[in-house]
Protein backbone atom coordinates (compact mmCIF):
# COMPACT_ATOMS: atom_id res chain seq x y z
CA MET A 1 48.36 -35.73 84.01
CA LYS A 2 45.84 -34.02 86.19
CA LEU A 3 42.76 -36.17 86.44
CA ASP A 4 39.24 -34.89 86.66
CA ILE A 5 37.41 -36.63 89.50
CA THR A 6 33.64 -36.54 89.83
CA THR A 7 31.46 -37.94 92.56
CA SER A 8 28.21 -39.79 92.10
CA GLU A 9 25.90 -42.16 93.90
CA PRO A 10 27.25 -45.70 94.22
CA ARG A 11 26.18 -47.88 91.33
CA LYS A 12 24.06 -50.95 92.01
CA LEU A 13 25.42 -53.80 89.93
CA SER A 14 23.28 -56.87 89.43
CA ALA A 15 24.67 -60.37 89.45
CA ALA A 16 23.72 -60.65 85.77
CA SER A 17 26.22 -57.91 84.92
CA ARG A 18 29.23 -59.77 86.27
CA ALA A 19 31.98 -60.37 83.78
CA GLY A 20 33.48 -63.75 83.06
CA PRO A 21 36.69 -65.11 84.52
CA CYS A 22 39.66 -62.80 84.33
CA PRO A 23 42.95 -64.02 82.83
CA GLN A 24 45.06 -65.37 85.64
CA ALA A 25 48.58 -64.21 86.44
CA GLU A 26 50.79 -65.82 89.00
CA ASP A 27 50.48 -62.89 91.41
CA ASP A 28 46.66 -62.70 91.38
CA ASP A 29 44.97 -62.99 94.77
CA SER A 30 41.46 -62.87 96.17
CA ALA A 31 41.73 -59.21 97.22
CA ALA A 32 42.58 -58.13 93.67
CA LYS A 33 39.64 -60.12 92.29
CA TYR A 34 37.35 -58.54 94.89
CA LEU A 35 38.44 -55.04 93.87
CA TYR A 36 38.02 -55.97 90.21
CA GLU A 37 34.40 -56.98 90.80
CA LEU A 38 33.37 -54.08 93.04
CA SER A 39 35.42 -51.18 91.64
CA ARG A 40 33.49 -48.08 90.61
CA ASP A 41 36.03 -47.62 87.80
CA ALA A 42 35.92 -49.62 84.59
CA ILE A 43 38.67 -52.24 84.51
CA LEU A 44 39.62 -54.04 81.30
CA PHE A 45 42.26 -56.51 80.24
CA LEU A 46 43.24 -56.10 76.57
CA ASP A 47 45.49 -58.15 74.36
CA ARG A 48 48.10 -56.45 72.20
CA THR A 49 45.56 -55.80 69.40
CA GLY A 50 42.90 -54.25 71.65
CA LYS A 51 40.71 -57.34 72.01
CA ILE A 52 38.80 -57.34 75.30
CA LEU A 53 39.88 -60.37 77.33
CA CYS A 54 37.70 -59.45 80.28
CA ILE A 55 35.90 -56.43 81.69
CA ASN A 56 34.53 -55.80 85.15
CA PRO A 57 30.87 -55.10 86.05
CA CYS A 58 31.36 -51.32 86.13
CA GLY A 59 32.82 -51.35 82.62
CA ILE A 60 29.96 -53.51 81.39
CA GLN A 61 27.39 -51.15 82.87
CA LEU A 62 29.04 -48.03 81.43
CA SER A 63 29.31 -49.55 77.96
CA GLY A 64 25.65 -50.51 77.71
CA TYR A 65 26.59 -53.87 76.19
CA SER A 66 26.32 -57.31 77.73
CA ALA A 67 29.34 -59.21 79.01
CA GLU A 68 28.93 -61.64 76.13
CA GLU A 69 28.95 -58.83 73.57
CA LEU A 70 32.08 -57.28 75.07
CA ARG A 71 34.23 -60.32 75.72
CA GLY A 72 36.32 -61.01 72.65
CA ALA A 73 35.28 -57.79 70.89
CA ASN A 74 37.92 -55.30 69.82
CA ILE A 75 37.79 -52.03 71.70
CA PHE A 76 38.63 -50.09 68.54
CA ASP A 77 35.62 -51.50 66.72
CA LEU A 78 33.05 -51.45 69.52
CA LEU A 79 33.76 -48.63 71.96
CA LEU A 80 36.50 -46.13 71.17
CA LEU A 81 35.84 -42.96 69.22
CA PRO A 82 37.97 -42.87 66.04
CA GLU A 83 39.73 -39.71 67.25
CA ASP A 84 41.16 -41.69 70.20
CA HIS A 85 42.43 -44.69 68.23
CA SER A 86 45.96 -43.34 67.78
CA ALA A 87 46.50 -42.64 71.48
CA VAL A 88 45.22 -46.06 72.53
CA ARG A 89 47.30 -47.88 69.91
CA GLN A 90 50.36 -46.10 71.30
CA MET A 91 49.30 -47.11 74.81
CA LEU A 92 49.09 -50.78 73.79
CA GLN A 93 52.46 -50.63 72.05
CA ASP A 94 54.01 -49.11 75.16
CA ALA A 95 52.48 -51.81 77.34
CA VAL A 96 54.12 -54.57 75.32
CA LYS A 97 57.42 -52.76 75.96
CA GLY A 98 56.69 -52.70 79.69
CA ARG A 99 55.64 -49.06 79.97
CA ALA A 100 52.69 -47.70 81.96
CA ARG A 101 50.65 -44.85 80.51
CA GLU A 102 47.97 -42.31 81.41
CA CYS A 103 45.52 -40.92 78.89
CA GLU A 104 42.01 -39.63 78.33
CA VAL A 105 39.70 -41.64 76.09
CA ARG A 106 36.05 -41.67 75.06
CA TRP A 107 33.60 -44.48 74.49
CA ARG A 108 30.49 -44.46 72.36
CA THR A 109 28.10 -46.63 74.35
CA ASN A 110 25.49 -49.04 73.02
CA ASP A 111 22.83 -46.31 73.13
CA GLY A 112 25.03 -43.77 71.34
CA ALA A 113 26.06 -41.69 74.37
CA ILE A 114 29.64 -40.45 74.75
CA VAL A 115 31.45 -41.28 78.00
CA HIS A 116 34.71 -39.51 78.90
CA PHE A 117 37.35 -41.39 80.88
CA ALA A 118 40.60 -40.54 82.62
CA GLY A 119 42.58 -43.72 82.23
CA ALA A 120 45.77 -45.48 83.20
CA SER A 121 47.30 -48.65 81.83
CA VAL A 122 49.94 -51.08 83.08
CA PRO A 123 51.36 -54.16 81.36
CA ARG A 124 51.02 -57.67 82.81
CA PHE A 125 53.79 -60.21 82.38
CA SER A 126 54.17 -63.80 83.48
CA ALA A 127 56.96 -64.86 85.81
CA SER A 128 58.95 -65.90 82.75
CA GLY A 129 58.59 -62.43 81.20
CA GLU A 130 55.93 -63.29 78.63
CA PHE A 131 53.51 -60.45 77.88
CA LEU A 132 50.01 -61.39 79.06
CA SER A 133 47.78 -58.34 78.65
CA THR A 134 47.33 -54.64 79.30
CA LEU A 135 45.39 -53.75 82.43
CA CYS A 136 43.39 -50.55 81.93
CA THR A 137 41.52 -48.65 84.61
CA LEU A 138 39.10 -45.97 83.43
CA ARG A 139 37.39 -43.38 85.63
CA ASP A 140 34.19 -41.84 84.32
CA VAL A 141 34.77 -38.06 84.18
CA THR A 142 31.85 -37.25 81.91
CA GLU A 143 30.11 -34.92 84.36
CA GLY A 144 33.34 -33.02 84.94
CA LYS A 145 33.86 -32.63 81.19
CA ARG A 146 30.31 -31.34 80.79
CA ALA A 147 30.89 -28.83 83.57
CA GLU A 148 34.12 -27.66 81.90
CA GLU A 149 32.33 -27.23 78.58
CA ALA A 150 29.48 -25.32 80.22
CA LEU A 151 32.04 -23.06 81.91
CA ARG A 152 33.84 -22.43 78.61
CA GLU A 153 30.55 -21.56 76.92
CA SER A 154 29.64 -19.23 79.79
CA GLU A 155 33.06 -17.55 79.64
CA GLU A 156 32.72 -17.08 75.89
CA ARG A 157 29.28 -15.48 76.27
CA TYR A 158 30.66 -13.19 78.97
CA ARG A 159 33.67 -12.29 76.82
CA VAL A 160 31.46 -11.35 73.87
CA LEU A 161 29.19 -9.33 76.16
CA VAL A 162 32.15 -7.39 77.59
CA GLU A 163 33.96 -6.92 74.27
CA PHE A 164 30.95 -5.53 72.45
CA SER A 165 29.38 -3.58 75.31
CA PRO A 166 28.91 0.13 74.53
CA ASN A 167 29.73 0.83 78.19
CA SER A 168 33.24 1.13 79.55
CA ILE A 169 34.22 -1.97 81.54
CA CYS A 170 37.48 -2.22 83.47
CA VAL A 171 39.09 -4.94 85.57
CA HIS A 172 41.66 -3.88 88.13
CA ARG A 173 43.57 -5.25 91.10
CA ASP A 174 44.48 -2.85 93.90
CA GLY A 175 43.70 0.02 91.57
CA LYS A 176 45.99 -1.21 88.76
CA LEU A 177 44.26 -1.82 85.43
CA LEU A 178 44.35 -5.41 84.20
CA TYR A 179 41.81 -5.16 81.39
CA VAL A 180 39.75 -2.47 79.67
CA ASN A 181 37.17 -3.28 77.01
CA PRO A 182 37.21 -1.48 73.62
CA ALA A 183 34.63 1.08 74.79
CA GLY A 184 36.84 1.88 77.78
CA VAL A 185 39.95 2.17 75.62
CA ARG A 186 38.17 4.75 73.49
CA LEU A 187 36.83 6.59 76.54
CA PHE A 188 40.34 6.89 78.03
CA GLY A 189 41.71 8.19 74.73
CA ALA A 190 44.11 5.29 74.24
CA THR A 191 44.84 3.60 70.92
CA ASP A 192 44.99 0.07 72.36
CA LEU A 193 44.74 -1.89 75.59
CA ALA A 194 48.52 -2.11 76.04
CA GLU A 195 48.66 1.61 76.78
CA LEU A 196 46.39 1.15 79.79
CA VAL A 197 47.37 -2.14 81.43
CA GLY A 198 49.32 -1.55 84.64
CA ARG A 199 48.29 2.06 85.03
CA SER A 200 46.41 3.27 88.09
CA VAL A 201 42.69 3.87 87.71
CA LEU A 202 43.28 7.09 89.64
CA ASP A 203 45.14 8.46 86.61
CA PHE A 204 41.80 8.76 84.84
CA ILE A 205 39.72 10.19 87.69
CA HIS A 206 38.85 13.88 87.95
CA PRO A 207 40.54 15.48 90.98
CA ASP A 208 37.15 16.35 92.49
CA SER A 209 36.21 12.64 92.56
CA LEU A 210 39.50 11.25 93.86
CA PRO A 211 38.48 11.09 97.57
CA VAL A 212 35.36 9.09 96.71
CA VAL A 213 37.21 6.69 94.42
CA ARG A 214 40.01 6.15 96.94
CA GLU A 215 37.41 5.26 99.57
CA ARG A 216 35.76 2.80 97.17
CA LEU A 217 39.11 1.13 96.48
CA ARG A 218 39.79 0.87 100.22
CA ARG A 219 36.46 -0.87 100.80
CA LEU A 220 37.10 -3.30 97.98
CA ARG A 221 40.57 -4.16 99.31
CA GLU A 222 39.00 -4.96 102.69
CA GLY A 223 36.50 -7.30 101.07
CA GLY A 224 33.56 -4.94 101.20
CA THR A 225 31.29 -3.60 98.48
CA ALA A 226 31.12 -0.19 96.91
CA PRO A 227 27.92 1.40 95.57
CA LEU A 228 27.70 2.71 92.03
CA ILE A 229 28.61 6.35 91.51
CA GLU A 230 28.38 8.76 88.61
């Protein structure tokens, strides 16, 4: 899965936001605990039902709840949007079977805001093979999602503007038509866009104007600009 990665200023986490002790596995070491505390990604340990066993300071801060409110709560009841329940249940089932997963999930925080995450999960087992918990790391990609949505809205507005414009609008590459709006299709005397795609724009230029248009196309190919002409 391609993950959206956003950058932001480092978060300042107070000592009061520190989570409680993390469940211990036989391969834990001080470096892992250090990363758990200081990571800028949310890190959670969940049991097989989705109960939060522990959560790091970043996760606490992003959730808007206190460590006491989070520890022991079920992620399905407190944080996850209902639309994401099925994917996370599958993730937990896969973890018990020893499978790692990647997914995108959303939290509804304590103040009602929606946070988007790109996440990954791995199972934790004891040396004897007993399932301990699912380790989840979640990267906040909310700003990236907002930018994507803004881009989609902008593209939709542009599409409507082009589609309903009374003026002929064409898109071409190296003089070959890629798109012509409905007004252009009518102007060129075609019945639909398919008749025009792939044809040369020069096919529709009056012979007297061909030298000027060829020069404009040359400038555009070389990365220059071409002034408007009638």
